[in-house]
Amino acid sequence: MVDLAREAGGYEPVDPSVKVNQGQWHRIILSFDLAAGKYDKYIDGVYHSSQANAGLDGRQSIGQTFWLLNDNDGENGEVYLNSLAIYDRSLTADEARALGRSSGSGIPRVIP
């Protein structure tokens, strides 16, 4: 179980070594549980942090259209995207770990 109180808003990793490095490929997983009002973040299969969200119809909900890879306050940077997967459920820590690092072949159709 993750202690949300010990995390600084979810922007900083629980372990400072778990980060996205410029110029390297990473598998980034955002696993949303809108009903619980939170989401977990994983970098290359390793837990990064959790963050609160606005719930079922909040900011992280997907409607008929949605924004991808945007920022609400102008902290923008260049990004390359190899693959994108959207599941109809929240992924577990074990599933994120099984997906692991990024791969040139994209995202497996079935989570190992």
N, C-alpha and C. Protein backbone atom coordinates (compact mmCIF):
# COMPACT_ATOMS: atom_id res chain seq x y z
N MET A 1 0.84 -1.18 0.00
CA MET A 1 0.00 0.00 0.00
C MET A 1 0.88 1.23 0.00
N VAL A 2 0.54 2.22 -0.79
CA VAL A 2 1.32 3.44 -0.92
C VAL A 2 0.82 4.46 0.09
N ASP A 3 1.74 5.11 0.79
CA ASP A 3 1.41 6.16 1.73
C ASP A 3 1.42 7.49 0.99
N LEU A 4 0.24 7.95 0.55
CA LEU A 4 0.15 9.19 -0.22
C LEU A 4 0.61 10.39 0.59
N ALA A 5 0.48 10.34 1.90
CA ALA A 5 0.87 11.48 2.74
C ALA A 5 2.36 11.75 2.67
N ARG A 6 3.18 10.73 2.43
CA ARG A 6 4.62 10.95 2.42
C ARG A 6 5.14 11.41 1.07
N GLU A 7 4.28 11.50 0.09
CA GLU A 7 4.70 11.90 -1.25
C GLU A 7 4.34 13.35 -1.50
N ALA A 8 5.25 14.09 -2.07
CA ALA A 8 5.08 15.53 -2.31
C ALA A 8 4.21 15.78 -3.52
N GLY A 9 2.93 15.50 -3.43
CA GLY A 9 2.01 15.78 -4.51
C GLY A 9 2.12 14.83 -5.68
N GLY A 10 3.01 13.88 -5.62
CA GLY A 10 3.15 12.90 -6.68
C GLY A 10 4.05 13.32 -7.82
N TYR A 11 4.57 14.54 -7.81
CA TYR A 11 5.45 14.97 -8.88
C TYR A 11 6.86 14.43 -8.72
N GLU A 12 7.30 14.30 -7.51
CA GLU A 12 8.65 13.80 -7.23
C GLU A 12 8.57 12.31 -6.91
N PRO A 13 9.54 11.54 -7.36
CA PRO A 13 9.51 10.10 -7.11
C PRO A 13 9.76 9.78 -5.63
N VAL A 14 9.21 8.65 -5.19
CA VAL A 14 9.49 8.16 -3.85
C VAL A 14 10.98 7.86 -3.74
N ASP A 15 11.54 7.27 -4.78
CA ASP A 15 12.97 6.98 -4.86
C ASP A 15 13.55 7.92 -5.92
N PRO A 16 14.45 8.85 -5.54
CA PRO A 16 14.98 9.84 -6.49
C PRO A 16 15.68 9.24 -7.72
N SER A 17 16.07 7.96 -7.67
CA SER A 17 16.72 7.35 -8.82
C SER A 17 15.72 6.95 -9.91
N VAL A 18 14.42 6.95 -9.59
CA VAL A 18 13.38 6.58 -10.56
C VAL A 18 12.93 7.86 -11.26
N LYS A 19 13.50 8.09 -12.45
CA LYS A 19 13.20 9.33 -13.16
C LYS A 19 13.28 9.12 -14.67
N VAL A 20 12.75 10.08 -15.38
CA VAL A 20 12.83 10.09 -16.84
C VAL A 20 14.06 10.91 -17.20
N ASN A 21 14.93 10.31 -17.98
CA ASN A 21 16.17 10.96 -18.39
C ASN A 21 16.06 11.43 -19.83
N GLN A 22 16.44 12.66 -20.08
CA GLN A 22 16.42 13.21 -21.42
C GLN A 22 17.34 12.40 -22.33
N GLY A 23 16.88 12.15 -23.55
CA GLY A 23 17.70 11.42 -24.52
C GLY A 23 17.65 9.91 -24.37
N GLN A 24 16.78 9.40 -23.51
CA GLN A 24 16.64 7.95 -23.32
C GLN A 24 15.18 7.55 -23.50
N TRP A 25 14.97 6.34 -24.00
CA TRP A 25 13.62 5.80 -24.11
C TRP A 25 13.20 5.25 -22.75
N HIS A 26 11.94 5.48 -22.40
CA HIS A 26 11.38 4.97 -21.15
C HIS A 26 9.97 4.46 -21.39
N ARG A 27 9.56 3.50 -20.62
CA ARG A 27 8.15 3.09 -20.60
C ARG A 27 7.53 3.79 -19.39
N ILE A 28 6.59 4.67 -19.65
CA ILE A 28 5.91 5.42 -18.60
C ILE A 28 4.48 4.90 -18.50
N ILE A 29 4.12 4.49 -17.30
CA ILE A 29 2.76 3.97 -17.08
C ILE A 29 2.06 4.88 -16.08
N LEU A 30 0.90 5.37 -16.48
CA LEU A 30 0.00 6.09 -15.59
C LEU A 30 -1.21 5.19 -15.40
N SER A 31 -1.39 4.70 -14.20
CA SER A 31 -2.45 3.75 -13.92
C SER A 31 -3.51 4.43 -13.05
N PHE A 32 -4.63 4.80 -13.68
CA PHE A 32 -5.67 5.58 -13.03
C PHE A 32 -6.72 4.69 -12.38
N ASP A 33 -7.10 5.04 -11.16
CA ASP A 33 -8.26 4.47 -10.49
C ASP A 33 -9.14 5.66 -10.15
N LEU A 34 -9.97 6.06 -11.11
CA LEU A 34 -10.76 7.27 -10.95
C LEU A 34 -11.75 7.15 -9.81
N ALA A 35 -12.31 5.97 -9.58
CA ALA A 35 -13.26 5.80 -8.49
C ALA A 35 -12.59 6.03 -7.13
N ALA A 36 -11.32 5.65 -7.01
CA ALA A 36 -10.58 5.84 -5.76
C ALA A 36 -9.99 7.25 -5.67
N GLY A 37 -10.00 7.99 -6.78
CA GLY A 37 -9.48 9.35 -6.77
C GLY A 37 -7.97 9.45 -6.74
N LYS A 38 -7.28 8.49 -7.40
CA LYS A 38 -5.81 8.56 -7.43
C LYS A 38 -5.27 7.85 -8.66
N TYR A 39 -4.00 8.11 -8.94
CA TYR A 39 -3.32 7.33 -9.97
C TYR A 39 -1.88 7.10 -9.57
N ASP A 40 -1.36 5.96 -10.03
CA ASP A 40 0.00 5.55 -9.75
C ASP A 40 0.84 5.74 -11.00
N LYS A 41 2.12 6.10 -10.79
CA LYS A 41 3.04 6.30 -11.90
C LYS A 41 4.20 5.33 -11.78
N TYR A 42 4.61 4.77 -12.93
CA TYR A 42 5.71 3.82 -12.99
C TYR A 42 6.63 4.25 -14.13
N ILE A 43 7.92 4.15 -13.91
CA ILE A 43 8.92 4.41 -14.94
C ILE A 43 9.69 3.11 -15.15
N ASP A 44 9.64 2.56 -16.35
CA ASP A 44 10.35 1.32 -16.68
C ASP A 44 10.00 0.19 -15.71
N GLY A 45 8.72 0.13 -15.31
CA GLY A 45 8.24 -0.93 -14.43
C GLY A 45 8.49 -0.71 -12.96
N VAL A 46 9.11 0.42 -12.59
CA VAL A 46 9.43 0.71 -11.19
C VAL A 46 8.49 1.81 -10.69
N TYR A 47 7.93 1.62 -9.50
CA TYR A 47 7.02 2.59 -8.92
C TYR A 47 7.69 3.95 -8.78
N HIS A 48 7.02 5.00 -9.22
CA HIS A 48 7.50 6.37 -9.12
C HIS A 48 6.79 7.10 -7.98
N SER A 49 5.46 7.20 -8.06
CA SER A 49 4.68 7.93 -7.06
C SER A 49 3.19 7.76 -7.35
N SER A 50 2.38 8.27 -6.44
CA SER A 50 0.94 8.33 -6.63
C SER A 50 0.50 9.77 -6.51
N GLN A 51 -0.64 10.04 -7.10
CA GLN A 51 -1.16 11.40 -7.06
C GLN A 51 -2.67 11.34 -7.01
N ALA A 52 -3.27 12.30 -6.32
CA ALA A 52 -4.73 12.38 -6.28
C ALA A 52 -5.24 12.90 -7.61
N ASN A 53 -6.47 12.50 -7.96
CA ASN A 53 -7.12 13.07 -9.14
C ASN A 53 -8.53 13.49 -8.77
N ALA A 54 -9.24 14.04 -9.71
CA ALA A 54 -10.55 14.63 -9.44
C ALA A 54 -11.70 13.64 -9.55
N GLY A 55 -11.41 12.36 -9.64
CA GLY A 55 -12.49 11.37 -9.65
C GLY A 55 -13.03 11.04 -11.03
N LEU A 56 -14.19 10.39 -11.03
CA LEU A 56 -14.75 9.80 -12.25
C LEU A 56 -14.91 10.78 -13.41
N ASP A 57 -15.34 11.99 -13.15
CA ASP A 57 -15.55 12.95 -14.23
C ASP A 57 -14.57 14.11 -14.14
N GLY A 58 -13.42 13.88 -13.54
CA GLY A 58 -12.43 14.93 -13.33
C GLY A 58 -11.45 15.08 -14.47
N ARG A 59 -10.39 15.75 -14.18
CA ARG A 59 -9.38 16.14 -15.16
C ARG A 59 -8.76 14.95 -15.90
N GLN A 60 -8.57 13.82 -15.24
CA GLN A 60 -7.92 12.68 -15.88
C GLN A 60 -8.91 11.74 -16.58
N SER A 61 -10.18 12.07 -16.61
CA SER A 61 -11.17 11.24 -17.30
C SER A 61 -11.01 11.41 -18.81
N ILE A 62 -11.38 10.38 -19.54
CA ILE A 62 -11.36 10.46 -21.00
C ILE A 62 -12.80 10.54 -21.49
N GLY A 63 -13.08 11.56 -22.27
CA GLY A 63 -14.39 11.72 -22.88
C GLY A 63 -14.30 11.39 -24.36
N GLN A 64 -15.11 12.05 -25.17
CA GLN A 64 -15.06 11.82 -26.61
C GLN A 64 -13.74 12.28 -27.20
N THR A 65 -13.15 13.30 -26.62
CA THR A 65 -11.82 13.75 -27.02
C THR A 65 -10.98 13.92 -25.75
N PHE A 66 -9.65 13.88 -25.91
CA PHE A 66 -8.78 14.11 -24.76
C PHE A 66 -7.44 14.63 -25.23
N TRP A 67 -6.75 15.30 -24.34
CA TRP A 67 -5.41 15.81 -24.63
C TRP A 67 -4.41 14.79 -24.16
N LEU A 68 -3.37 14.63 -24.93
CA LEU A 68 -2.31 13.68 -24.59
C LEU A 68 -0.99 14.43 -24.55
N LEU A 69 -0.21 14.19 -23.52
CA LEU A 69 1.13 14.79 -23.39
C LEU A 69 1.08 16.32 -23.38
N ASN A 70 0.17 16.87 -22.61
CA ASN A 70 0.09 18.32 -22.49
C ASN A 70 0.35 18.71 -21.04
N ASP A 71 0.51 19.99 -20.84
CA ASP A 71 0.76 20.53 -19.51
C ASP A 71 -0.11 21.76 -19.34
N ASN A 72 -0.64 21.96 -18.15
CA ASN A 72 -1.58 23.05 -17.95
C ASN A 72 -0.92 24.39 -17.59
N ASP A 73 0.38 24.42 -17.33
CA ASP A 73 0.99 25.69 -16.95
C ASP A 73 2.27 26.01 -17.74
N GLY A 74 2.37 25.47 -18.95
CA GLY A 74 3.43 25.88 -19.85
C GLY A 74 4.79 25.23 -19.67
N GLU A 75 4.90 24.24 -18.82
CA GLU A 75 6.18 23.53 -18.66
C GLU A 75 6.27 22.48 -19.77
N ASN A 76 6.58 22.91 -20.93
CA ASN A 76 6.55 22.05 -22.10
C ASN A 76 7.95 21.60 -22.50
N GLY A 77 8.02 20.47 -23.15
CA GLY A 77 9.27 19.97 -23.69
C GLY A 77 8.98 19.01 -24.82
N GLU A 78 9.98 18.74 -25.61
CA GLU A 78 9.84 17.83 -26.74
C GLU A 78 9.78 16.40 -26.24
N VAL A 79 8.96 15.61 -26.90
CA VAL A 79 8.83 14.20 -26.53
C VAL A 79 8.61 13.38 -27.80
N TYR A 80 9.15 12.19 -27.83
CA TYR A 80 8.91 11.24 -28.90
C TYR A 80 8.10 10.10 -28.33
N LEU A 81 7.07 9.69 -29.03
CA LEU A 81 6.18 8.64 -28.57
C LEU A 81 6.25 7.47 -29.54
N ASN A 82 6.62 6.29 -29.04
CA ASN A 82 6.71 5.10 -29.87
C ASN A 82 5.38 4.37 -29.90
N SER A 83 4.77 4.18 -28.75
CA SER A 83 3.55 3.38 -28.65
C SER A 83 2.66 3.95 -27.55
N LEU A 84 1.37 3.69 -27.67
CA LEU A 84 0.41 4.12 -26.66
C LEU A 84 -0.59 3.00 -26.46
N ALA A 85 -0.87 2.67 -25.22
CA ALA A 85 -1.91 1.68 -24.90
C ALA A 85 -2.85 2.29 -23.88
N ILE A 86 -4.13 2.10 -24.08
CA ILE A 86 -5.14 2.54 -23.11
C ILE A 86 -5.95 1.31 -22.74
N TYR A 87 -5.95 0.99 -21.46
CA TYR A 87 -6.70 -0.17 -20.96
C TYR A 87 -7.96 0.32 -20.27
N ASP A 88 -8.94 -0.54 -20.15
CA ASP A 88 -10.20 -0.16 -19.53
C ASP A 88 -10.21 -0.44 -18.03
N ARG A 89 -9.02 -0.49 -17.45
CA ARG A 89 -8.90 -0.72 -16.01
C ARG A 89 -7.54 -0.22 -15.55
N SER A 90 -7.38 -0.13 -14.26
CA SER A 90 -6.11 0.28 -13.68
C SER A 90 -5.14 -0.89 -13.69
N LEU A 91 -3.89 -0.64 -14.07
CA LEU A 91 -2.88 -1.71 -14.04
C LEU A 91 -2.31 -1.83 -12.63
N THR A 92 -1.95 -3.04 -12.26
CA THR A 92 -1.37 -3.28 -10.95
C THR A 92 0.14 -3.05 -10.99
N ALA A 93 0.73 -2.97 -9.81
CA ALA A 93 2.20 -2.83 -9.71
C ALA A 93 2.89 -4.03 -10.35
N ASP A 94 2.34 -5.22 -10.19
CA ASP A 94 2.92 -6.42 -10.80
C ASP A 94 2.87 -6.35 -12.32
N GLU A 95 1.77 -5.85 -12.88
CA GLU A 95 1.66 -5.71 -14.33
C GLU A 95 2.64 -4.66 -14.85
N ALA A 96 2.77 -3.55 -14.14
CA ALA A 96 3.74 -2.52 -14.55
C ALA A 96 5.15 -3.09 -14.52
N ARG A 97 5.47 -3.86 -13.49
CA ARG A 97 6.80 -4.48 -13.38
C ARG A 97 7.02 -5.47 -14.53
N ALA A 98 5.98 -6.23 -14.89
CA ALA A 98 6.09 -7.20 -15.98
C ALA A 98 6.30 -6.51 -17.33
N LEU A 99 5.71 -5.35 -17.53
CA LEU A 99 5.91 -4.61 -18.77
C LEU A 99 7.32 -4.04 -18.85
N GLY A 100 7.89 -3.66 -17.72
CA GLY A 100 9.29 -3.27 -17.63
C GLY A 100 9.68 -2.09 -18.50
N ARG A 101 10.88 -2.17 -19.05
CA ARG A 101 11.46 -1.08 -19.85
C ARG A 101 10.83 -1.02 -21.24
N SER A 102 11.07 0.08 -21.91
CA SER A 102 10.56 0.25 -23.27
C SER A 102 11.23 -0.74 -24.21
N SER A 103 10.56 -0.99 -25.33
CA SER A 103 11.07 -1.95 -26.31
C SER A 103 10.80 -1.41 -27.70
N GLY A 104 11.71 -1.67 -28.61
CA GLY A 104 11.55 -1.25 -29.99
C GLY A 104 10.35 -1.89 -30.65
N SER A 105 9.87 -3.00 -30.11
CA SER A 105 8.71 -3.68 -30.69
C SER A 105 7.40 -3.14 -30.13
N GLY A 106 7.48 -2.10 -29.30
CA GLY A 106 6.25 -1.49 -28.77
C GLY A 106 5.77 -2.18 -27.52
N ILE A 107 4.47 -2.06 -27.28
CA ILE A 107 3.83 -2.61 -26.08
C ILE A 107 3.25 -3.97 -26.40
N PRO A 108 3.52 -4.98 -25.57
CA PRO A 108 2.94 -6.30 -25.83
C PRO A 108 1.41 -6.23 -25.85
N ARG A 109 0.80 -7.00 -26.73
CA ARG A 109 -0.66 -7.03 -26.78
C ARG A 109 -1.26 -7.63 -25.52
N VAL A 110 -0.54 -8.57 -24.94
CA VAL A 110 -0.97 -9.20 -23.68
C VAL A 110 0.08 -8.89 -22.64
N ILE A 111 -0.33 -8.42 -21.48
CA ILE A 111 0.63 -8.10 -20.42
C ILE A 111 1.20 -9.41 -19.89
N PRO A 112 2.54 -9.53 -19.85
CA PRO A 112 3.14 -10.79 -19.41
C PRO A 112 2.73 -11.18 -18.01
